């Protein structure tokens, strides 16, 4: 079951969007929703949050005490551990190229995080791999 906190801005936005979806859908649980009506509802929701759809992306900034980091490493299939090779400031996960060679029972890992520090980003990555989150595994090869 999905859980969220409706007392937060994002939680309220999610609840409002769900209520709007239900209203647009009508009384039938399988009712069709017009794409145009949904787009208009989402635009209204963004407006209610104070966002200008035609404005700059900088309207949605991360907290001032956070930065973007990309964590690189190897995830081990046998132990669900992540061996962090490095953490770079910035969003570089999309630029990772698959190598021509492979590692025995390891997956190459690159994923971007928003965190307070490089150490925090590495901790988030390790926790995700330990919990079985496949996000960030760019190439998994079994030899």
N, C-alpha and C. Protein backbone atom coordinates (compact mmCIF):
# COMPACT_ATOMS: atom_id res chain seq x y z
N UNK A 1 0.83 -1.17 0.00
CA UNK A 1 0.00 0.00 0.00
C UNK A 1 0.88 1.24 0.00
N UNK A 2 0.52 2.20 -0.83
CA UNK A 2 1.25 3.46 -0.92
C UNK A 2 0.99 4.29 0.32
N UNK A 3 2.05 4.80 0.93
CA UNK A 3 1.87 5.69 2.07
C UNK A 3 2.60 6.99 1.80
N UNK A 4 2.02 8.07 2.27
CA UNK A 4 2.65 9.38 2.15
C UNK A 4 2.05 10.27 3.23
N UNK A 5 2.69 11.37 3.47
CA UNK A 5 2.24 12.28 4.52
C UNK A 5 1.50 13.46 3.88
N UNK A 6 0.15 13.48 3.97
CA UNK A 6 -0.60 14.56 3.33
C UNK A 6 -0.41 15.93 3.98
N UNK A 7 0.32 15.97 5.10
CA UNK A 7 0.58 17.28 5.72
C UNK A 7 1.78 17.98 5.08
N UNK A 8 2.54 17.27 4.24
CA UNK A 8 3.65 17.88 3.53
C UNK A 8 3.16 18.44 2.20
N UNK A 9 3.91 19.34 1.60
CA UNK A 9 3.51 19.92 0.32
C UNK A 9 3.40 18.84 -0.74
N UNK A 10 4.39 17.96 -0.83
CA UNK A 10 4.34 16.92 -1.85
C UNK A 10 3.23 15.91 -1.57
N UNK A 11 3.00 15.60 -0.30
CA UNK A 11 1.93 14.67 0.05
C UNK A 11 0.56 15.24 -0.29
N UNK A 12 0.37 16.53 0.00
CA UNK A 12 -0.90 17.18 -0.33
C UNK A 12 -1.09 17.21 -1.84
N UNK A 13 -0.03 17.51 -2.59
CA UNK A 13 -0.13 17.54 -4.05
C UNK A 13 -0.52 16.16 -4.59
N UNK A 14 0.09 15.11 -4.04
CA UNK A 14 -0.23 13.75 -4.48
C UNK A 14 -1.68 13.40 -4.16
N UNK A 15 -2.14 13.73 -2.96
CA UNK A 15 -3.53 13.47 -2.58
C UNK A 15 -4.49 14.24 -3.46
N UNK A 16 -4.18 15.51 -3.73
CA UNK A 16 -5.05 16.33 -4.59
C UNK A 16 -5.10 15.76 -6.01
N UNK A 17 -3.96 15.32 -6.53
CA UNK A 17 -3.94 14.75 -7.87
C UNK A 17 -4.76 13.46 -7.92
N UNK A 18 -4.66 12.63 -6.88
CA UNK A 18 -5.44 11.40 -6.84
C UNK A 18 -6.94 11.71 -6.80
N UNK A 19 -7.33 12.68 -5.96
CA UNK A 19 -8.75 13.06 -5.90
C UNK A 19 -9.23 13.59 -7.25
N UNK A 20 -8.38 14.37 -7.92
CA UNK A 20 -8.73 14.89 -9.24
C UNK A 20 -8.89 13.76 -10.23
N UNK A 21 -7.98 12.79 -10.19
CA UNK A 21 -8.06 11.62 -11.06
C UNK A 21 -9.40 10.90 -10.85
N UNK A 22 -9.77 10.69 -9.59
CA UNK A 22 -11.03 10.01 -9.28
C UNK A 22 -12.22 10.81 -9.79
N UNK A 23 -12.17 12.13 -9.65
CA UNK A 23 -13.26 12.98 -10.14
C UNK A 23 -13.36 12.90 -11.66
N UNK A 24 -12.22 12.95 -12.35
CA UNK A 24 -12.23 12.87 -13.81
C UNK A 24 -12.68 11.49 -14.30
N UNK A 25 -12.37 10.48 -13.53
CA UNK A 25 -12.71 9.11 -13.90
C UNK A 25 -14.21 8.86 -13.78
N UNK A 26 -14.85 9.54 -12.84
CA UNK A 26 -16.28 9.36 -12.64
C UNK A 26 -16.56 8.23 -11.66
N UNK A 27 -17.81 7.81 -11.59
CA UNK A 27 -18.19 6.79 -10.60
C UNK A 27 -17.67 5.39 -10.91
N UNK A 28 -17.29 5.13 -12.15
CA UNK A 28 -16.81 3.80 -12.52
C UNK A 28 -15.32 3.68 -12.25
N UNK A 29 -14.92 2.60 -11.56
CA UNK A 29 -13.50 2.44 -11.23
C UNK A 29 -12.64 2.22 -12.46
N UNK A 30 -13.23 1.79 -13.56
CA UNK A 30 -12.49 1.59 -14.81
C UNK A 30 -12.80 2.69 -15.83
N UNK A 31 -13.36 3.80 -15.36
CA UNK A 31 -13.73 4.88 -16.26
C UNK A 31 -12.54 5.48 -16.98
N UNK A 32 -12.75 5.91 -18.20
CA UNK A 32 -11.71 6.55 -19.00
C UNK A 32 -11.51 7.99 -18.55
N UNK A 33 -10.27 8.44 -18.62
CA UNK A 33 -9.95 9.82 -18.29
C UNK A 33 -9.40 10.48 -19.55
N UNK A 34 -9.95 11.61 -19.89
CA UNK A 34 -9.48 12.36 -21.04
C UNK A 34 -8.06 12.86 -20.78
N UNK A 35 -7.17 12.63 -21.73
CA UNK A 35 -5.80 13.09 -21.59
C UNK A 35 -5.73 14.60 -21.42
N UNK A 36 -6.56 15.32 -22.18
CA UNK A 36 -6.57 16.78 -22.10
C UNK A 36 -7.03 17.24 -20.71
N UNK A 37 -8.04 16.55 -20.17
CA UNK A 37 -8.54 16.92 -18.83
C UNK A 37 -7.47 16.66 -17.77
N UNK A 38 -6.73 15.57 -17.92
CA UNK A 38 -5.67 15.25 -16.96
C UNK A 38 -4.54 16.27 -17.05
N UNK A 39 -4.15 16.64 -18.27
CA UNK A 39 -3.10 17.66 -18.44
C UNK A 39 -3.54 18.97 -17.79
N UNK A 40 -4.78 19.35 -17.99
CA UNK A 40 -5.28 20.59 -17.39
C UNK A 40 -5.27 20.49 -15.87
N UNK A 41 -5.64 19.32 -15.33
CA UNK A 41 -5.65 19.14 -13.88
C UNK A 41 -4.23 19.22 -13.31
N UNK A 42 -3.27 18.64 -14.00
CA UNK A 42 -1.87 18.68 -13.54
C UNK A 42 -1.36 20.12 -13.61
N UNK A 43 -1.68 20.84 -14.69
CA UNK A 43 -1.29 22.25 -14.79
C UNK A 43 -1.87 23.06 -13.64
N UNK A 44 -3.14 22.81 -13.31
CA UNK A 44 -3.78 23.51 -12.19
C UNK A 44 -3.08 23.19 -10.88
N UNK A 45 -2.70 21.91 -10.71
CA UNK A 45 -2.01 21.50 -9.49
C UNK A 45 -0.67 22.22 -9.37
N UNK A 46 0.09 22.29 -10.47
CA UNK A 46 1.36 22.99 -10.44
C UNK A 46 1.15 24.46 -10.12
N UNK A 47 0.12 25.06 -10.71
CA UNK A 47 -0.19 26.46 -10.43
C UNK A 47 -0.51 26.68 -8.97
N UNK A 48 -1.27 25.75 -8.38
CA UNK A 48 -1.63 25.86 -6.96
C UNK A 48 -0.40 25.75 -6.07
N UNK A 49 0.63 25.06 -6.56
CA UNK A 49 1.88 24.95 -5.80
C UNK A 49 2.78 26.16 -6.02
N UNK A 50 2.37 27.06 -6.93
CA UNK A 50 3.15 28.26 -7.19
C UNK A 50 4.19 28.10 -8.27
N UNK A 51 4.05 27.06 -9.10
CA UNK A 51 5.01 26.81 -10.17
C UNK A 51 4.48 27.36 -11.48
N UNK A 52 5.35 27.96 -12.28
CA UNK A 52 5.00 28.49 -13.59
C UNK A 52 5.49 27.51 -14.63
N UNK A 53 4.54 26.88 -15.37
CA UNK A 53 4.92 25.86 -16.34
C UNK A 53 5.86 26.39 -17.42
N UNK A 54 5.73 27.65 -17.75
CA UNK A 54 6.59 28.23 -18.77
C UNK A 54 7.87 28.81 -18.21
N UNK A 55 8.02 28.74 -16.90
CA UNK A 55 9.17 29.34 -16.24
C UNK A 55 10.40 28.45 -16.25
N UNK A 56 11.47 28.91 -15.65
CA UNK A 56 12.73 28.15 -15.65
C UNK A 56 12.68 26.93 -14.72
N UNK A 57 13.50 25.94 -15.03
CA UNK A 57 13.58 24.73 -14.22
C UNK A 57 14.03 25.05 -12.79
N UNK A 58 14.71 26.18 -12.60
CA UNK A 58 15.26 26.54 -11.30
C UNK A 58 14.17 26.82 -10.26
N UNK A 59 12.89 26.82 -10.68
CA UNK A 59 11.80 27.01 -9.72
C UNK A 59 11.78 25.88 -8.69
N UNK A 60 12.22 24.73 -9.09
CA UNK A 60 12.21 23.56 -8.22
C UNK A 60 13.66 23.26 -7.86
N UNK A 61 14.14 23.92 -6.83
CA UNK A 61 15.52 23.76 -6.40
C UNK A 61 15.62 22.78 -5.25
N UNK A 62 16.77 22.13 -5.18
CA UNK A 62 17.02 21.26 -4.04
C UNK A 62 17.35 22.12 -2.83
N UNK A 63 17.22 21.57 -1.64
CA UNK A 63 17.58 22.34 -0.44
C UNK A 63 19.01 22.87 -0.54
N UNK A 64 19.24 24.03 0.04
CA UNK A 64 20.55 24.68 -0.08
C UNK A 64 21.68 23.86 0.54
N UNK A 65 21.34 22.94 1.45
CA UNK A 65 22.39 22.14 2.08
C UNK A 65 22.60 20.80 1.36
N UNK A 66 22.03 20.65 0.16
CA UNK A 66 22.19 19.41 -0.61
C UNK A 66 22.84 19.71 -1.95
N UNK A 67 23.50 18.70 -2.51
CA UNK A 67 24.11 18.78 -3.83
C UNK A 67 23.84 17.47 -4.56
N UNK A 68 24.12 17.47 -5.85
CA UNK A 68 23.95 16.27 -6.67
C UNK A 68 25.29 15.56 -6.78
N UNK A 69 25.29 14.24 -6.54
CA UNK A 69 26.50 13.42 -6.64
C UNK A 69 26.18 12.16 -7.43
N UNK A 70 27.16 11.68 -8.17
CA UNK A 70 27.03 10.38 -8.86
C UNK A 70 27.99 9.40 -8.20
N UNK A 71 27.43 8.26 -7.79
CA UNK A 71 28.20 7.20 -7.13
C UNK A 71 28.51 6.13 -8.17
N UNK A 72 29.79 5.74 -8.24
CA UNK A 72 30.23 4.68 -9.16
C UNK A 72 30.79 3.52 -8.34
N UNK A 73 30.57 2.31 -8.81
CA UNK A 73 31.14 1.16 -8.12
C UNK A 73 30.72 -0.15 -8.73
N UNK A 74 30.88 -1.20 -7.95
CA UNK A 74 30.47 -2.55 -8.34
C UNK A 74 29.52 -3.10 -7.29
N UNK A 75 28.41 -3.67 -7.74
CA UNK A 75 27.49 -4.33 -6.81
C UNK A 75 27.73 -5.84 -6.90
N UNK A 76 27.83 -6.48 -5.75
CA UNK A 76 28.11 -7.91 -5.68
C UNK A 76 26.80 -8.69 -5.60
N UNK A 77 26.62 -9.67 -6.50
CA UNK A 77 25.40 -10.46 -6.52
C UNK A 77 25.28 -11.38 -5.32
N UNK A 78 26.38 -11.85 -4.79
CA UNK A 78 26.35 -12.84 -3.71
C UNK A 78 26.07 -12.23 -2.34
N UNK A 79 26.52 -11.02 -2.12
CA UNK A 79 26.41 -10.44 -0.78
C UNK A 79 25.54 -9.19 -0.73
N UNK A 80 24.98 -8.77 -1.86
CA UNK A 80 24.19 -7.53 -1.91
C UNK A 80 24.95 -6.36 -1.30
N UNK A 81 26.23 -6.28 -1.64
CA UNK A 81 27.06 -5.17 -1.19
C UNK A 81 27.44 -4.31 -2.38
N UNK A 82 27.67 -3.05 -2.11
CA UNK A 82 28.16 -2.14 -3.12
C UNK A 82 29.56 -1.72 -2.75
N UNK A 83 30.49 -1.94 -3.67
CA UNK A 83 31.87 -1.49 -3.49
C UNK A 83 32.00 -0.18 -4.25
N UNK A 84 32.04 0.92 -3.50
CA UNK A 84 32.07 2.25 -4.11
C UNK A 84 33.48 2.53 -4.61
N UNK A 85 33.56 2.83 -5.90
CA UNK A 85 34.85 3.18 -6.49
C UNK A 85 35.11 4.67 -6.41
N UNK A 86 34.03 5.46 -6.46
CA UNK A 86 34.21 6.91 -6.39
C UNK A 86 32.88 7.63 -6.40
N UNK A 87 32.91 8.88 -5.96
CA UNK A 87 31.73 9.74 -5.95
C UNK A 87 32.15 11.06 -6.58
N UNK A 88 31.44 11.45 -7.65
CA UNK A 88 31.74 12.70 -8.34
C UNK A 88 30.60 13.69 -8.14
N UNK A 89 30.92 14.96 -7.93
CA UNK A 89 29.85 15.95 -7.89
C UNK A 89 29.22 16.08 -9.28
N UNK A 90 27.90 16.18 -9.32
CA UNK A 90 27.19 16.34 -10.59
C UNK A 90 26.46 15.07 -11.00
N UNK A 91 25.69 15.20 -12.08
CA UNK A 91 24.88 14.11 -12.61
C UNK A 91 25.61 13.48 -13.79
N UNK A 92 26.27 12.34 -13.54
CA UNK A 92 27.07 11.70 -14.58
C UNK A 92 26.63 10.28 -14.89
N UNK A 93 25.59 9.78 -14.24
CA UNK A 93 25.19 8.38 -14.40
C UNK A 93 24.81 8.06 -15.84
N UNK A 94 24.18 8.99 -16.53
CA UNK A 94 23.74 8.73 -17.91
C UNK A 94 24.92 8.62 -18.87
N UNK A 95 26.08 9.13 -18.49
CA UNK A 95 27.23 9.12 -19.40
C UNK A 95 28.10 7.88 -19.24
N UNK A 96 27.69 6.95 -18.37
CA UNK A 96 28.49 5.74 -18.16
C UNK A 96 28.39 4.85 -19.39
N UNK A 97 29.51 4.38 -19.88
CA UNK A 97 29.54 3.50 -21.04
C UNK A 97 29.82 2.08 -20.59
N UNK A 98 29.10 1.12 -21.17
CA UNK A 98 29.34 -0.28 -20.85
C UNK A 98 30.71 -0.68 -21.39
N UNK A 99 31.44 -1.43 -20.60
CA UNK A 99 32.77 -1.87 -20.99
C UNK A 99 32.70 -3.16 -21.80
N UNK A 100 33.76 -3.45 -22.54
CA UNK A 100 33.81 -4.67 -23.34
C UNK A 100 34.12 -5.90 -22.51
N UNK A 101 34.59 -5.72 -21.29
CA UNK A 101 34.91 -6.85 -20.43
C UNK A 101 33.85 -6.97 -19.35
N UNK A 102 33.90 -8.06 -18.57
CA UNK A 102 32.90 -8.25 -17.53
C UNK A 102 33.58 -8.62 -16.23
N UNK A 103 32.84 -8.50 -15.16
CA UNK A 103 33.32 -8.88 -13.84
C UNK A 103 32.49 -10.06 -13.37
N UNK A 104 33.13 -11.06 -12.79
CA UNK A 104 32.44 -12.27 -12.35
C UNK A 104 31.47 -11.96 -11.22
N UNK A 105 30.15 -12.10 -11.47
CA UNK A 105 29.09 -11.92 -10.49
C UNK A 105 29.04 -10.53 -9.87
N UNK A 106 29.43 -9.55 -10.64
CA UNK A 106 29.33 -8.16 -10.22
C UNK A 106 28.56 -7.38 -11.27
N UNK A 107 27.90 -6.34 -10.84
CA UNK A 107 27.25 -5.42 -11.77
C UNK A 107 27.91 -4.07 -11.65
N UNK A 108 28.14 -3.42 -12.79
CA UNK A 108 28.68 -2.07 -12.76
C UNK A 108 27.58 -1.15 -12.23
N UNK A 109 27.92 -0.22 -11.39
CA UNK A 109 26.95 0.62 -10.72
C UNK A 109 27.27 2.09 -10.95
N UNK A 110 26.27 2.86 -11.35
CA UNK A 110 26.38 4.32 -11.44
C UNK A 110 24.99 4.88 -11.22
N UNK A 111 24.85 5.74 -10.22
CA UNK A 111 23.54 6.31 -9.93
C UNK A 111 23.73 7.69 -9.31
N UNK A 112 22.81 8.59 -9.60
CA UNK A 112 22.90 9.95 -9.12
C UNK A 112 21.98 10.16 -7.91
N UNK A 113 22.51 10.82 -6.90
CA UNK A 113 21.78 11.08 -5.66
C UNK A 113 21.83 12.56 -5.32
N UNK A 114 20.81 13.02 -4.61
CA UNK A 114 20.83 14.34 -3.99
C UNK A 114 21.12 14.10 -2.52
N UNK A 115 22.20 14.66 -2.03
CA UNK A 115 22.64 14.39 -0.65
C UNK A 115 23.38 15.60 -0.11
N UNK A 116 23.61 15.56 1.21
CA UNK A 116 24.33 16.65 1.86
C UNK A 116 25.82 16.59 1.57
N UNK A 117 26.34 15.38 1.33
CA UNK A 117 27.78 15.23 1.07
C UNK A 117 28.01 14.00 0.20
N UNK A 118 29.24 13.87 -0.29
CA UNK A 118 29.61 12.69 -1.08
C UNK A 118 29.49 11.42 -0.23
N UNK A 119 29.87 11.50 1.04
CA UNK A 119 29.74 10.34 1.93
C UNK A 119 28.28 9.92 2.10
N UNK A 120 27.38 10.91 2.23
CA UNK A 120 25.96 10.60 2.35
C UNK A 120 25.43 9.94 1.08
N UNK A 121 25.88 10.42 -0.09
CA UNK A 121 25.47 9.82 -1.35
C UNK A 121 25.94 8.37 -1.43
N UNK A 122 27.18 8.10 -1.02
CA UNK A 122 27.69 6.73 -1.02
C UNK A 122 26.91 5.85 -0.05
N UNK A 123 26.55 6.39 1.11
CA UNK A 123 25.75 5.64 2.08
C UNK A 123 24.37 5.31 1.51
N UNK A 124 23.75 6.26 0.81
CA UNK A 124 22.45 6.01 0.18
C UNK A 124 22.57 4.89 -0.86
N UNK A 125 23.64 4.93 -1.64
CA UNK A 125 23.84 3.91 -2.67
C UNK A 125 24.02 2.53 -2.04
N UNK A 126 24.86 2.45 -1.01
CA UNK A 126 25.09 1.16 -0.33
C UNK A 126 23.79 0.62 0.24
N UNK A 127 23.02 1.48 0.89
CA UNK A 127 21.75 1.06 1.50
C UNK A 127 20.78 0.55 0.43
N UNK A 128 20.73 1.22 -0.70
CA UNK A 128 19.85 0.78 -1.78
C UNK A 128 20.21 -0.59 -2.30
N UNK A 129 21.48 -0.86 -2.48
CA UNK A 129 21.91 -2.17 -2.97
C UNK A 129 21.65 -3.23 -1.92
N UNK A 130 21.93 -2.93 -0.65
CA UNK A 130 21.68 -3.89 0.43
C UNK A 130 20.21 -4.25 0.53
N UNK A 131 19.32 -3.30 0.22
CA UNK A 131 17.89 -3.54 0.29
C UNK A 131 17.34 -4.16 -0.98
N UNK A 132 18.22 -4.45 -1.95
CA UNK A 132 17.78 -5.11 -3.18
C UNK A 132 17.27 -4.17 -4.25
N UNK A 133 17.53 -2.89 -4.10
CA UNK A 133 17.11 -1.91 -5.09
C UNK A 133 18.04 -2.00 -6.30
N UNK A 134 17.47 -2.31 -7.45
CA UNK A 134 18.29 -2.48 -8.66
C UNK A 134 18.65 -1.16 -9.32
N UNK A 135 18.14 -0.04 -8.82
CA UNK A 135 18.44 1.25 -9.42
C UNK A 135 19.94 1.48 -9.44
N UNK A 136 20.43 1.89 -10.57
CA UNK A 136 21.83 2.23 -10.66
C UNK A 136 22.70 1.13 -11.23
N UNK A 137 22.22 -0.10 -11.28
CA UNK A 137 23.05 -1.15 -11.85
C UNK A 137 23.00 -0.98 -13.35
N UNK A 138 24.09 -0.54 -13.93
CA UNK A 138 24.09 -0.22 -15.36
C UNK A 138 24.33 -1.43 -16.23
N UNK A 139 24.96 -2.45 -15.70
CA UNK A 139 25.26 -3.62 -16.50
C UNK A 139 25.51 -4.78 -15.56
N UNK A 140 24.73 -5.84 -15.67
CA UNK A 140 24.89 -7.00 -14.80
C UNK A 140 25.27 -8.19 -15.68
N UNK A 141 26.46 -8.73 -15.49
CA UNK A 141 26.94 -9.80 -16.34
C UNK A 141 27.36 -10.98 -15.48
N UNK A 142 26.89 -12.17 -15.83
CA UNK A 142 27.29 -13.38 -15.13
C UNK A 142 28.23 -14.17 -16.02
N UNK A 143 29.38 -14.51 -15.51
CA UNK A 143 30.37 -15.25 -16.30
C UNK A 143 30.39 -16.69 -15.83
